[in-house]
Every structure is written in structure tokens, then in C-alpha cells.
Amino acid sequence: MTQEKTKVLIIGSGPAGYTAAIYASRAGLKPIMVTGGQPGGQLTTTNDVENYPGYPEGINGPQMMVDFQKQAERFGTDIRYGLATAVDFSGYPHKVTIDDKYEIIADTVIVSTGASAKYLGLPSEEKYYNKGVSACAVCDGFFYKGKTVAVVGGGDTAAEEATYLANLCPKVYLLVRRDELRASQIMQNRVKNTKNIEILWNTETEEVLGNEEEVTGIRVINNQTKETRELEVQGFFVAIGHKPNTDIFKGVLDMDEVGYLKVQPGTSKTNIEGVFATGDAADKVYRQAVTAAGTGCMGALDAERFLQAKEMEIAE
């Protein structure tokens, strides 16, 4: 297997990865970026981004990622389309296999692999994705101001999404497949005390309905009585969790029970020296493009300082 060396390897290409690349390349570190299976990350599946600073008229998600890429390339980032398929962090420097074909030996590794929203798996859900189906109320809720929406889920994320949307929408259905919420007590109380949220217990979605252009409703079933009904909604928000794209690091990097990478508070440092975690792969709380970009900056600065410290060690 062929090998090559680099001071900085960035795995992943969303806002975190590109921001890390911009900072690292401007510092003269000549980073290599491996884009991953979805170049640009989750934003490439988002039509309109209106909450990222610097775009007063909003911007199309894929175009935003093209802008990020161009900026990273402008300063000399070597962007490769490929997938990290194996890692060896047992020694130093670190080794990462790309597409099972070649190996990159890196003094530092910045992990920006992101996370993927979980969906119900309905064909109609996929059909109307970005046409009324969303997995992020904070990202897309504004587009449904004054409209009726539904939220699927019973945990803290669903409760938060429902209460957020209740400030924008006259009516919010919360579809819970059990007869109780899994959310924390404070979030349960908040949902139950919000007058325009209607909780439908023991309820599952059978189909998302629409007119080919946009969502017009959903068909739901009560999993106890087996009764079905149609709800007229214009927005359908799936809030059943996210899965961080970190499987490749299992048993190597410290992570929580879901798979989010653990970092030292206030840094991007993982448990492995010279490996840094950024973006949604290490963030289960905010999951926004702007916060991901911020941690990408942290990852590059942490990597730069790490390399400087290593050089000083060698000089001594």
C-alpha cells in the first residue's frame, strides 16, 4: 500500500472541515482534506440557509459549501474525494487508510466527519425531503411561520423542536409512538404547558402526503386501536435523533454511548495526542453550521499549537 505524509489531515468536508482547512492552510500547514462520502456534509441537502452570518439574503446550502471549498482551495488545501476506511492511532505519527487503497501518515488529524439525522424510512418522507420534511426545526422552522406542523419523537430533541416551533406556528402536533415521553421532566412540563402543542400518544406515521411540490398532510395510525386519520400539516419534522459518523473510531477515540466523540472541555483535543474532533461528530447539543465552523477553527488552531510544541521538543 502506497504511503504519503502530511502535517495535517482533515477527515470530512462540512463547515467544520472546511473552516479547519482554511485556518490550517493559511498557517502554511498544507493540509490534506479527505471529503468523505457526502462532500459538503448535511448542508448539501439543505435548500435555504438563512441563519449563517454574512449571507443577508440567505444562500442555497450546496452553494454555500462550494464557497467554503473555494476558500479552502484558495489558500492551498489539497482536497481529495474519498473515504477514510481505517485508522491506526496506536503510534505516532498517525496512519489513516483512504478507500482501502493508500495510507496517509499524518502528524495531526482533525476529525470533521459530522453526523446524520435519523429518519423513519418512509418512501414518502424521502420524496418530500426539503419540501416540507425536515430534521432541524432551528434550521427550517422560520419557513413554516404561521403554518401547522407535526413533530415526530418522544425525547428531549422532539420536545425542544416542538416548543421552538410552537413560537412560530399556530398549531404543532407532537407524535409519540408510546404512551409517555422519554424527555426530561422539565421538557415534558414545557410541552404539556404549551397550549398550541397537541400530543398524539401511541401514534406512528404511515405516510407523508403532498401535492408533488410540497407537504399537505400526514396519515397516522394509533398503534393500539389501529385507527388511522389524516392530519393537515405543511411541515413534518423528524426528531428521533442523530447518528454521529464515527464508527471508524470505535475503540480508538473516547466517545459517549451514542457515538459522539469526547473532547477536553474548551478544546477540540481527544484522548489521542494530535487527534482533534470538530463539528457535529463531537456536538450533540447545537448541531448548527456556525457552531461547527467555530469548532473547525479550534481544531486547526489546536493542531497548529500541537505541531509547534512538537517542533520545540525536537529542537531541545
C-alpha atoms as a PDB file:
ATOM      1  CA  MET A   1       0.000   0.000   0.000  1.00  0.00           C
ATOM      2  CA  THR A   2       1.412   3.362  -1.022  1.00  0.00           C
ATOM      3  CA  GLN A   3       2.022   5.998   1.640  1.00  0.00           C
ATOM      4  CA  GLU A   4       2.338   9.764   1.780  1.00  0.00           C
ATOM      5  CA  LYS A   5       2.967  12.187   4.610  1.00  0.00           C
ATOM      6  CA  THR A   6       1.284  15.381   5.757  1.00  0.00           C
ATOM      7  CA  LYS A   7       1.364  17.662   8.757  1.00  0.00           C
ATOM      8  CA  VAL A   8      -2.438  17.971   8.901  1.00  0.00           C
ATOM      9  CA  LEU A   9      -5.080  15.544   7.667  1.00  0.00           C
ATOM     10  CA  ILE A  10      -8.711  16.665   7.792  1.00  0.00           C
ATOM     11  CA  ILE A  11     -11.332  13.918   7.581  1.00  0.00           C
ATOM     12  CA  GLY A  12     -14.687  15.306   6.430  1.00  0.00           C
ATOM     13  CA  SER A  13     -15.790  18.349   4.469  1.00  0.00           C
ATOM     14  CA  GLY A  14     -18.691  20.163   6.097  1.00  0.00           C
ATOM     15  CA  PRO A  15     -18.453  23.616   7.721  1.00  0.00           C
ATOM     16  CA  ALA A  16     -16.109  22.257  10.411  1.00  0.00           C
ATOM     17  CA  GLY A  17     -13.762  20.560   7.968  1.00  0.00           C
ATOM     18  CA  TYR A  18     -13.605  23.458   5.528  1.00  0.00           C
ATOM     19  CA  THR A  19     -13.053  26.002   8.302  1.00  0.00           C
ATOM     20  CA  ALA A  20     -10.256  23.863   9.721  1.00  0.00           C
ATOM     21  CA  ALA A  21      -8.790  23.707   6.223  1.00  0.00           C
ATOM     22  CA  ILE A  22      -8.942  27.475   5.779  1.00  0.00           C
ATOM     23  CA  TYR A  23      -7.136  28.102   9.062  1.00  0.00           C
ATOM     24  CA  ALA A  24      -4.573  25.325   8.614  1.00  0.00           C
ATOM     25  CA  SER A  25      -3.728  26.290   5.035  1.00  0.00           C
ATOM     26  CA  ARG A  26      -3.403  29.986   5.920  1.00  0.00           C
ATOM     27  CA  ALA A  27      -0.949  28.917   8.621  1.00  0.00           C
ATOM     28  CA  GLY A  28       1.186  27.288   5.938  1.00  0.00           C
ATOM     29  CA  LEU A  29       0.488  23.738   7.106  1.00  0.00           C
ATOM     30  CA  LYS A  30      -0.589  22.497   3.640  1.00  0.00           C
ATOM     31  CA  PRO A  31      -3.429  20.291   4.900  1.00  0.00           C
ATOM     32  CA  ILE A  32      -4.890  17.360   3.020  1.00  0.00           C
ATOM     33  CA  MET A  33      -8.673  17.029   3.226  1.00  0.00           C
ATOM     34  CA  VAL A  34     -10.492  13.777   2.504  1.00  0.00           C
ATOM     35  CA  THR A  35     -14.096  14.748   1.780  1.00  0.00           C
ATOM     36  CA  GLY A  36     -15.931  11.620   2.911  1.00  0.00           C
ATOM     37  CA  GLY A  37     -18.921  10.023   1.246  1.00  0.00           C
ATOM     38  CA  GLN A  38     -21.005  13.207   1.233  1.00  0.00           C
ATOM     39  CA  PRO A  39     -18.760  16.116   0.213  1.00  0.00           C
ATOM     40  CA  GLY A  40     -20.032  19.241   1.933  1.00  0.00           C
ATOM     41  CA  GLY A  41     -21.900  17.299   4.622  1.00  0.00           C
ATOM     42  CA  GLN A  42     -25.508  17.764   5.669  1.00  0.00           C
ATOM     43  CA  LEU A  43     -25.746  21.295   4.260  1.00  0.00           C
ATOM     44  CA  THR A  44     -25.645  19.873   0.742  1.00  0.00           C
ATOM     45  CA  THR A  45     -29.148  18.511   1.395  1.00  0.00           C
ATOM     46  CA  THR A  46     -30.490  21.870   2.602  1.00  0.00           C
ATOM     47  CA  ASN A  47     -32.127  24.266   0.160  1.00  0.00           C
ATOM     48  CA  ASP A  48     -32.054  27.564   2.014  1.00  0.00           C
ATOM     49  CA  VAL A  49     -29.656  28.661   4.750  1.00  0.00           C
ATOM     50  CA  GLU A  50     -30.755  31.941   6.310  1.00  0.00           C
ATOM     51  CA  ASN A  51     -29.113  31.806   9.740  1.00  0.00           C
ATOM     52  CA  TYR A  52     -25.424  31.846   8.797  1.00  0.00           C
ATOM     53  CA  PRO A  53     -23.779  35.258   9.270  1.00  0.00           C
ATOM     54  CA  GLY A  54     -22.592  37.036   6.145  1.00  0.00           C
ATOM     55  CA  TYR A  55     -25.403  35.966   3.833  1.00  0.00           C
ATOM     56  CA  PRO A  56     -28.058  38.673   4.294  1.00  0.00           C
ATOM     57  CA  GLU A  57     -30.245  37.261   1.526  1.00  0.00           C
ATOM     58  CA  GLY A  58     -29.699  33.660   2.578  1.00  0.00           C
ATOM     59  CA  ILE A  59     -27.921  31.080   0.445  1.00  0.00           C
ATOM     60  CA  ASN A  60     -28.507  27.676  -1.069  1.00  0.00           C
ATOM     61  CA  GLY A  61     -26.828  25.011   1.089  1.00  0.00           C
ATOM     62  CA  PRO A  62     -24.832  23.315  -1.696  1.00  0.00           C
ATOM     63  CA  GLN A  63     -23.641  26.703  -2.999  1.00  0.00           C
ATOM     64  CA  MET A  64     -22.531  27.671   0.493  1.00  0.00           C
ATOM     65  CA  MET A  65     -20.367  24.554   0.649  1.00  0.00           C
ATOM     66  CA  VAL A  66     -18.918  25.359  -2.787  1.00  0.00           C
ATOM     67  CA  ASP A  67     -17.962  28.788  -1.408  1.00  0.00           C
ATOM     68  CA  PHE A  68     -16.318  27.154   1.613  1.00  0.00           C
ATOM     69  CA  GLN A  69     -14.424  24.769  -0.674  1.00  0.00           C
ATOM     70  CA  LYS A  70     -13.163  27.542  -2.937  1.00  0.00           C
ATOM     71  CA  GLN A  71     -11.909  29.495   0.059  1.00  0.00           C
ATOM     72  CA  ALA A  72     -10.054  26.464   1.415  1.00  0.00           C
ATOM     73  CA  GLU A  73      -8.534  25.749  -2.013  1.00  0.00           C
ATOM     74  CA  ARG A  74      -7.522  29.384  -2.430  1.00  0.00           C
ATOM     75  CA  PHE A  75      -5.078  29.019   0.455  1.00  0.00           C
ATOM     76  CA  GLY A  76      -3.697  25.708  -0.735  1.00  0.00           C
ATOM     77  CA  THR A  77      -5.766  22.911   0.802  1.00  0.00           C
ATOM     78  CA  ASP A  78      -5.319  19.635  -1.086  1.00  0.00           C
ATOM     79  CA  ILE A  79      -8.885  18.329  -1.341  1.00  0.00           C
ATOM     80  CA  ARG A  80      -9.303  14.629  -2.155  1.00  0.00           C
ATOM     81  CA  TYR A  81     -12.599  12.913  -2.912  1.00  0.00           C
ATOM     82  CA  GLY A  82     -12.500   9.722  -0.909  1.00  0.00           C
ATOM     83  CA  LEU A  83     -13.388   7.921   2.281  1.00  0.00           C
ATOM     84  CA  ALA A  84     -11.282   7.162   5.344  1.00  0.00           C
ATOM     85  CA  THR A  85     -11.682   3.402   5.758  1.00  0.00           C
ATOM     86  CA  ALA A  86      -9.294   2.605   8.633  1.00  0.00           C
ATOM     87  CA  VAL A  87      -7.236   4.403  11.267  1.00  0.00           C
ATOM     88  CA  ASP A  88      -4.182   3.455  13.283  1.00  0.00           C
ATOM     89  CA  PHE A  89      -3.577   5.854  16.157  1.00  0.00           C
ATOM     90  CA  SER A  90      -1.551   3.378  18.207  1.00  0.00           C
ATOM     91  CA  GLY A  91       1.729   5.127  17.472  1.00  0.00           C
ATOM     92  CA  TYR A  92       2.963   8.472  16.229  1.00  0.00           C
ATOM     93  CA  PRO A  93       2.615   9.817  13.629  1.00  0.00           C
ATOM     94  CA  HIS A  94      -0.943   8.677  12.876  1.00  0.00           C
ATOM     95  CA  LYS A  95      -1.956   6.460   9.985  1.00  0.00           C
ATOM     96  CA  VAL A  96      -5.235   6.723   8.055  1.00  0.00           C
ATOM     97  CA  THR A  97      -6.196   4.431   5.173  1.00  0.00           C
ATOM     98  CA  ILE A  98      -8.143   6.028   2.311  1.00  0.00           C
ATOM     99  CA  ASP A  99     -10.553   3.982   0.161  1.00  0.00           C
ATOM    100  CA  ASP A 100      -8.661   0.832   1.227  1.00  0.00           C
ATOM    101  CA  LYS A 101      -6.059   1.876  -1.382  1.00  0.00           C
ATOM    102  CA  TYR A 102      -3.416   4.112   0.166  1.00  0.00           C
ATOM    103  CA  GLU A 103      -2.268   5.363   3.541  1.00  0.00           C
ATOM    104  CA  ILE A 104      -1.725   8.902   4.763  1.00  0.00           C
ATOM    105  CA  ILE A 105       0.752   9.353   7.601  1.00  0.00           C
ATOM    106  CA  ALA A 106      -0.274  12.488   9.475  1.00  0.00           C
ATOM    107  CA  ASP A 107       1.326  14.430  12.302  1.00  0.00           C
ATOM    108  CA  THR A 108      -2.146  15.666  13.252  1.00  0.00           C
ATOM    109  CA  VAL A 109      -5.652  14.519  12.342  1.00  0.00           C
ATOM    110  CA  ILE A 110      -8.731  16.752  12.503  1.00  0.00           C
ATOM    111  CA  VAL A 111     -11.928  14.698  12.583  1.00  0.00           C
ATOM    112  CA  SER A 112     -14.859  16.514  10.943  1.00  0.00           C
ATOM    113  CA  THR A 113     -16.993  13.553   9.913  1.00  0.00           C
ATOM    114  CA  GLY A 114     -20.285  15.067  11.083  1.00  0.00           C
ATOM    115  CA  ALA A 115     -23.500  13.303  11.985  1.00  0.00           C
ATOM    116  CA  SER A 116     -26.550  12.103  10.099  1.00  0.00           C
ATOM    117  CA  ALA A 117     -30.151  12.677  11.124  1.00  0.00           C
ATOM    118  CA  LYS A 118     -32.232   9.571  11.675  1.00  0.00           C
ATOM    119  CA  TYR A 119     -35.404   9.262   9.615  1.00  0.00           C
ATOM    120  CA  LEU A 120     -38.404   6.950   9.717  1.00  0.00           C
ATOM    121  CA  GLY A 121     -37.550   5.293   6.408  1.00  0.00           C
ATOM    122  CA  LEU A 122     -40.803   6.076   4.599  1.00  0.00           C
ATOM    123  CA  PRO A 123     -40.579   6.492   0.797  1.00  0.00           C
ATOM    124  CA  SER A 124     -42.910   9.499   1.037  1.00  0.00           C
ATOM    125  CA  GLU A 125     -40.662  11.012   3.694  1.00  0.00           C
ATOM    126  CA  GLU A 126     -37.740  10.852   1.278  1.00  0.00           C
ATOM    127  CA  LYS A 127     -39.879  12.145  -1.564  1.00  0.00           C
ATOM    128  CA  TYR A 128     -40.779  15.326   0.302  1.00  0.00           C
ATOM    129  CA  TYR A 129     -37.408  15.912   1.928  1.00  0.00           C
ATOM    130  CA  ASN A 130     -36.776  19.672   1.794  1.00  0.00           C
ATOM    131  CA  LYS A 131     -40.312  20.120   0.501  1.00  0.00           C
ATOM    132  CA  GLY A 132     -41.845  20.118   3.964  1.00  0.00           C
ATOM    133  CA  VAL A 133     -39.892  17.296   5.597  1.00  0.00           C
ATOM    134  CA  SER A 134     -37.013  18.382   7.823  1.00  0.00           C
ATOM    135  CA  ALA A 135     -34.876  17.129  10.703  1.00  0.00           C
ATOM    136  CA  CYS A 136     -33.990  20.548  12.110  1.00  0.00           C
ATOM    137  CA  ALA A 137     -36.568  22.990  13.450  1.00  0.00           C
ATOM    138  CA  VAL A 138     -33.956  25.624  14.296  1.00  0.00           C
ATOM    139  CA  CYS A 139     -32.673  25.458  10.700  1.00  0.00           C
ATOM    140  CA  ASP A 140     -36.001  25.377   8.874  1.00  0.00           C
ATOM    141  CA  GLY A 141     -38.723  26.418  11.314  1.00  0.00           C
ATOM    142  CA  PHE A 142     -38.842  30.005  10.056  1.00  0.00           C
ATOM    143  CA  PHE A 143     -40.155  28.801   6.676  1.00  0.00           C
ATOM    144  CA  TYR A 144     -43.252  27.406   8.438  1.00  0.00           C
ATOM    145  CA  LYS A 145     -44.186  30.509  10.379  1.00  0.00           C
ATOM    146  CA  GLY A 146     -47.977  30.716  10.622  1.00  0.00           C
ATOM    147  CA  LYS A 147     -48.429  27.139   9.385  1.00  0.00           C
ATOM    148  CA  THR A 148     -49.479  23.880  11.035  1.00  0.00           C
ATOM    149  CA  VAL A 149     -46.688  21.367  11.571  1.00  0.00           C
ATOM    150  CA  ALA A 150     -46.045  17.967  13.126  1.00  0.00           C
ATOM    151  CA  VAL A 151     -43.045  16.731  15.075  1.00  0.00           C
ATOM    152  CA  VAL A 152     -42.174  13.034  15.464  1.00  0.00           C
ATOM    153  CA  GLY A 153     -40.395  11.837  18.586  1.00  0.00           C
ATOM    154  CA  GLY A 154     -40.635  11.482  22.346  1.00  0.00           C
ATOM    155  CA  GLY A 155     -37.244  12.568  23.665  1.00  0.00           C
ATOM    156  CA  ASP A 156     -35.663  15.874  24.586  1.00  0.00           C
ATOM    157  CA  THR A 157     -34.903  16.721  20.945  1.00  0.00           C
ATOM    158  CA  ALA A 158     -38.537  16.299  19.927  1.00  0.00           C
ATOM    159  CA  ALA A 159     -39.738  18.309  22.932  1.00  0.00           C
ATOM    160  CA  GLU A 160     -37.308  21.099  22.133  1.00  0.00           C
ATOM    161  CA  GLU A 161     -38.272  21.127  18.454  1.00  0.00           C
ATOM    162  CA  ALA A 162     -41.991  21.199  19.298  1.00  0.00           C
ATOM    163  CA  THR A 163     -41.664  24.078  21.764  1.00  0.00           C
ATOM    164  CA  TYR A 164     -39.444  26.002  19.355  1.00  0.00           C
ATOM    165  CA  LEU A 165     -41.981  25.579  16.549  1.00  0.00           C
ATOM    166  CA  ALA A 166     -44.848  26.496  18.888  1.00  0.00           C
ATOM    167  CA  ASN A 167     -43.439  30.037  18.976  1.00  0.00           C
ATOM    168  CA  LEU A 168     -43.745  30.249  15.201  1.00  0.00           C
ATOM    169  CA  CYS A 169     -46.738  28.097  14.352  1.00  0.00           C
ATOM    170  CA  PRO A 170     -50.376  28.292  15.482  1.00  0.00           C
ATOM    171  CA  LYS A 171     -50.597  24.501  15.821  1.00  0.00           C
ATOM    172  CA  VAL A 172     -47.991  21.809  16.497  1.00  0.00           C
ATOM    173  CA  TYR A 173     -48.778  18.101  16.653  1.00  0.00           C
ATOM    174  CA  LEU A 174     -46.286  16.012  18.633  1.00  0.00           C
ATOM    175  CA  LEU A 175     -46.481  12.392  17.514  1.00  0.00           C
ATOM    176  CA  VAL A 176     -45.324   9.983  20.232  1.00  0.00           C
ATOM    177  CA  ARG A 177     -45.305   6.258  19.486  1.00  0.00           C
ATOM    178  CA  ARG A 178     -45.587   5.302  23.160  1.00  0.00           C
ATOM    179  CA  ASP A 179     -47.953   6.410  25.906  1.00  0.00           C
ATOM    180  CA  GLU A 180     -45.314   8.546  27.590  1.00  0.00           C
ATOM    181  CA  LEU A 181     -42.496  10.937  26.744  1.00  0.00           C
ATOM    182  CA  ARG A 182     -38.861   9.960  27.206  1.00  0.00           C
ATOM    183  CA  ALA A 183     -37.885  13.604  27.534  1.00  0.00           C
ATOM    184  CA  SER A 184     -36.590  15.061  30.801  1.00  0.00           C
ATOM    185  CA  GLN A 185     -39.261  16.162  33.253  1.00  0.00           C
ATOM    186  CA  ILE A 186     -38.623  19.852  32.681  1.00  0.00           C
ATOM    187  CA  MET A 187     -39.067  19.420  28.915  1.00  0.00           C
ATOM    188  CA  GLN A 188     -42.197  17.311  29.419  1.00  0.00           C
ATOM    189  CA  ASN A 189     -43.696  20.056  31.558  1.00  0.00           C
ATOM    190  CA  ARG A 190     -42.798  22.669  28.981  1.00  0.00           C
ATOM    191  CA  VAL A 191     -44.510  20.720  26.203  1.00  0.00           C
ATOM    192  CA  LYS A 192     -47.624  19.960  28.229  1.00  0.00           C
ATOM    193  CA  ASN A 193     -47.944  23.594  29.315  1.00  0.00           C
ATOM    194  CA  THR A 194     -47.717  24.930  25.763  1.00  0.00           C
ATOM    195  CA  LYS A 195     -51.310  25.383  24.649  1.00  0.00           C
ATOM    196  CA  ASN A 196     -50.773  25.079  20.893  1.00  0.00           C
ATOM    197  CA  ILE A 197     -48.931  21.737  21.144  1.00  0.00           C
ATOM    198  CA  GLU A 198     -51.242  18.725  20.858  1.00  0.00           C
ATOM    199  CA  ILE A 199     -49.666  15.411  21.858  1.00  0.00           C
ATOM    200  CA  LEU A 200     -50.927  12.354  19.996  1.00  0.00           C
ATOM    201  CA  TRP A 201     -49.980   9.300  22.070  1.00  0.00           C
ATOM    202  CA  ASN A 202     -49.374   5.805  20.646  1.00  0.00           C
ATOM    203  CA  THR A 203     -49.186   7.380  17.219  1.00  0.00           C
ATOM    204  CA  GLU A 204     -46.991   6.474  14.267  1.00  0.00           C
ATOM    205  CA  THR A 205     -46.741   7.971  10.793  1.00  0.00           C
ATOM    206  CA  GLU A 206     -47.836   5.788   7.890  1.00  0.00           C
ATOM    207  CA  GLU A 207     -47.316   8.252   5.063  1.00  0.00           C
ATOM    208  CA  VAL A 208     -46.392  11.838   4.312  1.00  0.00           C
ATOM    209  CA  LEU A 209     -48.988  13.346   1.979  1.00  0.00           C
ATOM    210  CA  GLY A 210     -48.390  16.036  -0.600  1.00  0.00           C
ATOM    211  CA  ASN A 211     -49.195  17.507  -3.999  1.00  0.00           C
ATOM    212  CA  GLU A 212     -45.812  16.594  -5.546  1.00  0.00           C
ATOM    213  CA  GLU A 213     -44.496  20.094  -4.788  1.00  0.00           C
ATOM    214  CA  GLU A 214     -44.915  20.256  -1.013  1.00  0.00           C
ATOM    215  CA  VAL A 215     -46.283  18.511   2.061  1.00  0.00           C
ATOM    216  CA  THR A 216     -50.019  18.925   2.622  1.00  0.00           C
ATOM    217  CA  GLY A 217     -50.597  16.414   5.404  1.00  0.00           C
ATOM    218  CA  ILE A 218     -49.727  13.093   7.022  1.00  0.00           C
ATOM    219  CA  ARG A 219     -51.579   9.849   7.606  1.00  0.00           C
ATOM    220  CA  VAL A 220     -51.051   8.473  11.083  1.00  0.00           C
ATOM    221  CA  ILE A 221     -52.131   5.314  12.887  1.00  0.00           C
ATOM    222  CA  ASN A 222     -52.843   4.666  16.534  1.00  0.00           C
ATOM    223  CA  ASN A 223     -50.739   1.586  17.259  1.00  0.00           C
ATOM    224  CA  GLN A 224     -53.215   0.380  19.902  1.00  0.00           C
ATOM    225  CA  THR A 225     -56.627   0.967  18.318  1.00  0.00           C
ATOM    226  CA  LYS A 226     -55.271   0.647  14.736  1.00  0.00           C
ATOM    227  CA  GLU A 227     -57.369   3.647  13.756  1.00  0.00           C
ATOM    228  CA  THR A 228     -55.940   5.873  11.063  1.00  0.00           C
ATOM    229  CA  ARG A 229     -56.515   9.558  10.490  1.00  0.00           C
ATOM    230  CA  GLU A 230     -55.160  12.294   8.282  1.00  0.00           C
ATOM    231  CA  LEU A 231     -53.738  15.492   9.696  1.00  0.00           C
ATOM    232  CA  GLU A 232     -53.473  18.627   7.618  1.00  0.00           C
ATOM    233  CA  VAL A 233     -49.929  19.931   8.092  1.00  0.00           C
ATOM    234  CA  GLN A 234     -47.481  21.864   5.952  1.00  0.00           C
ATOM    235  CA  GLY A 235     -44.335  20.845   7.811  1.00  0.00           C
ATOM    236  CA  PHE A 236     -43.162  17.455   9.086  1.00  0.00           C
ATOM    237  CA  PHE A 237     -40.196  17.476  11.469  1.00  0.00           C
ATOM    238  CA  VAL A 238     -38.450  14.208  12.348  1.00  0.00           C
ATOM    239  CA  ALA A 239     -36.789  14.444  15.760  1.00  0.00           C
ATOM    240  CA  ILE A 240     -35.783  10.896  16.602  1.00  0.00           C
ATOM    241  CA  GLY A 241     -32.098  11.614  16.975  1.00  0.00           C
ATOM    242  CA  HIS A 242     -28.837  11.832  15.077  1.00  0.00           C
ATOM    243  CA  LYS A 243     -26.100   9.284  14.480  1.00  0.00           C
ATOM    244  CA  PRO A 244     -22.562  10.664  14.521  1.00  0.00           C
ATOM    245  CA  ASN A 245     -20.414   9.356  11.684  1.00  0.00           C
ATOM    246  CA  THR A 246     -17.742   7.981  13.982  1.00  0.00           C
ATOM    247  CA  ASP A 247     -17.907   4.183  13.579  1.00  0.00           C
ATOM    248  CA  ILE A 248     -14.389   4.105  12.182  1.00  0.00           C
ATOM    249  CA  PHE A 249     -13.071   5.457  15.507  1.00  0.00           C
ATOM    250  CA  LYS A 250     -14.795   2.954  17.820  1.00  0.00           C
ATOM    251  CA  GLY A 251     -12.383   1.506  20.337  1.00  0.00           C
ATOM    252  CA  VAL A 252      -9.829   4.167  19.421  1.00  0.00           C
ATOM    253  CA  LEU A 253     -11.246   7.563  20.366  1.00  0.00           C
ATOM    254  CA  ASP A 254     -13.303   8.152  23.508  1.00  0.00           C
ATOM    255  CA  MET A 255     -16.993   8.607  22.709  1.00  0.00           C
ATOM    256  CA  ASP A 256     -20.311   8.546  24.521  1.00  0.00           C
ATOM    257  CA  GLU A 257     -22.872   5.754  24.315  1.00  0.00           C
ATOM    258  CA  VAL A 258     -24.347   7.181  21.098  1.00  0.00           C
ATOM    259  CA  GLY A 259     -21.003   7.710  19.372  1.00  0.00           C
ATOM    260  CA  TYR A 260     -20.299  11.411  19.805  1.00  0.00           C
ATOM    261  CA  LEU A 261     -16.572  11.986  20.265  1.00  0.00           C
ATOM    262  CA  LYS A 262     -15.442  13.318  23.628  1.00  0.00           C
ATOM    263  CA  VAL A 263     -13.111  16.312  23.774  1.00  0.00           C
ATOM    264  CA  GLN A 264     -11.371  18.112  26.594  1.00  0.00           C
ATOM    265  CA  PRO A 265     -13.670  20.986  27.666  1.00  0.00           C
ATOM    266  CA  GLY A 266     -12.938  24.207  25.816  1.00  0.00           C
ATOM    267  CA  THR A 267     -10.768  22.454  23.222  1.00  0.00           C
ATOM    268  CA  SER A 268     -11.006  20.051  20.299  1.00  0.00           C
ATOM    269  CA  LYS A 269      -8.490  17.634  21.860  1.00  0.00           C
ATOM    270  CA  THR A 270      -9.436  13.950  22.005  1.00  0.00           C
ATOM    271  CA  ASN A 271      -7.862  11.260  24.179  1.00  0.00           C
ATOM    272  CA  ILE A 272      -5.240  10.631  21.478  1.00  0.00           C
ATOM    273  CA  GLU A 273      -2.379  13.107  21.233  1.00  0.00           C
ATOM    274  CA  GLY A 274      -2.503  15.003  17.946  1.00  0.00           C
ATOM    275  CA  VAL A 275      -6.090  13.990  17.067  1.00  0.00           C
ATOM    276  CA  PHE A 276      -8.786  16.661  17.259  1.00  0.00           C
ATOM    277  CA  ALA A 277     -12.573  16.365  16.943  1.00  0.00           C
ATOM    278  CA  THR A 278     -14.740  19.123  15.465  1.00  0.00           C
ATOM    279  CA  GLY A 279     -18.269  19.772  14.250  1.00  0.00           C
ATOM    280  CA  ASP A 280     -21.277  17.518  14.666  1.00  0.00           C
ATOM    281  CA  ALA A 281     -19.124  14.437  15.267  1.00  0.00           C
ATOM    282  CA  ALA A 282     -18.454  15.903  18.710  1.00  0.00           C
ATOM    283  CA  ASP A 283     -21.532  18.107  19.214  1.00  0.00           C
ATOM    284  CA  LYS A 284     -24.859  16.599  20.251  1.00  0.00           C
ATOM    285  CA  VAL A 285     -26.241  19.871  21.619  1.00  0.00           C
ATOM    286  CA  TYR A 286     -26.127  22.631  18.987  1.00  0.00           C
ATOM    287  CA  ARG A 287     -25.568  20.932  15.600  1.00  0.00           C
ATOM    288  CA  GLN A 288     -25.520  24.184  13.632  1.00  0.00           C
ATOM    289  CA  ALA A 289     -23.319  25.202  10.703  1.00  0.00           C
ATOM    290  CA  VAL A 290     -21.991  28.229  12.549  1.00  0.00           C
ATOM    291  CA  THR A 291     -21.025  26.276  15.678  1.00  0.00           C
ATOM    292  CA  ALA A 292     -19.438  23.577  13.522  1.00  0.00           C
ATOM    293  CA  ALA A 293     -17.361  26.213  11.758  1.00  0.00           C
ATOM    294  CA  GLY A 294     -16.281  27.588  15.131  1.00  0.00           C
ATOM    295  CA  THR A 295     -15.018  24.222  16.296  1.00  0.00           C
ATOM    296  CA  GLY A 296     -13.282  23.750  12.945  1.00  0.00           C
ATOM    297  CA  CYS A 297     -11.299  26.898  13.729  1.00  0.00           C
ATOM    298  CA  MET A 298     -10.496  25.459  17.167  1.00  0.00           C
ATOM    299  CA  GLY A 299      -9.326  22.190  15.647  1.00  0.00           C
ATOM    300  CA  ALA A 300      -6.908  23.927  13.277  1.00  0.00           C
ATOM    301  CA  LEU A 301      -5.518  26.190  15.995  1.00  0.00           C
ATOM    302  CA  ASP A 302      -5.129  23.259  18.383  1.00  0.00           C
ATOM    303  CA  ALA A 303      -3.341  21.287  15.650  1.00  0.00           C
ATOM    304  CA  GLU A 304      -1.050  24.224  14.846  1.00  0.00           C
ATOM    305  CA  ARG A 305      -0.091  24.674  18.506  1.00  0.00           C
ATOM    306  CA  PHE A 306       0.459  20.945  18.886  1.00  0.00           C
ATOM    307  CA  LEU A 307       2.845  20.950  15.919  1.00  0.00           C
ATOM    308  CA  GLN A 308       4.695  23.966  17.281  1.00  0.00           C
ATOM    309  CA  ALA A 309       5.148  22.207  20.620  1.00  0.00           C
ATOM    310  CA  LYS A 310       6.446  19.096  18.847  1.00  0.00           C
ATOM    311  CA  GLU A 311       8.983  21.182  16.903  1.00  0.00           C
ATOM    312  CA  MET A 312      10.197  22.774  20.130  1.00  0.00           C
ATOM    313  CA  GLU A 313      10.630  19.323  21.682  1.00  0.00           C
ATOM    314  CA  ILE A 314      12.762  18.217  18.747  1.00  0.00           C
ATOM    315  CA  ALA A 315      14.800  21.451  18.837  1.00  0.00           C
ATOM    316  CA  GLU A 316      15.598  20.888  22.515  1.00  0.00           C
END
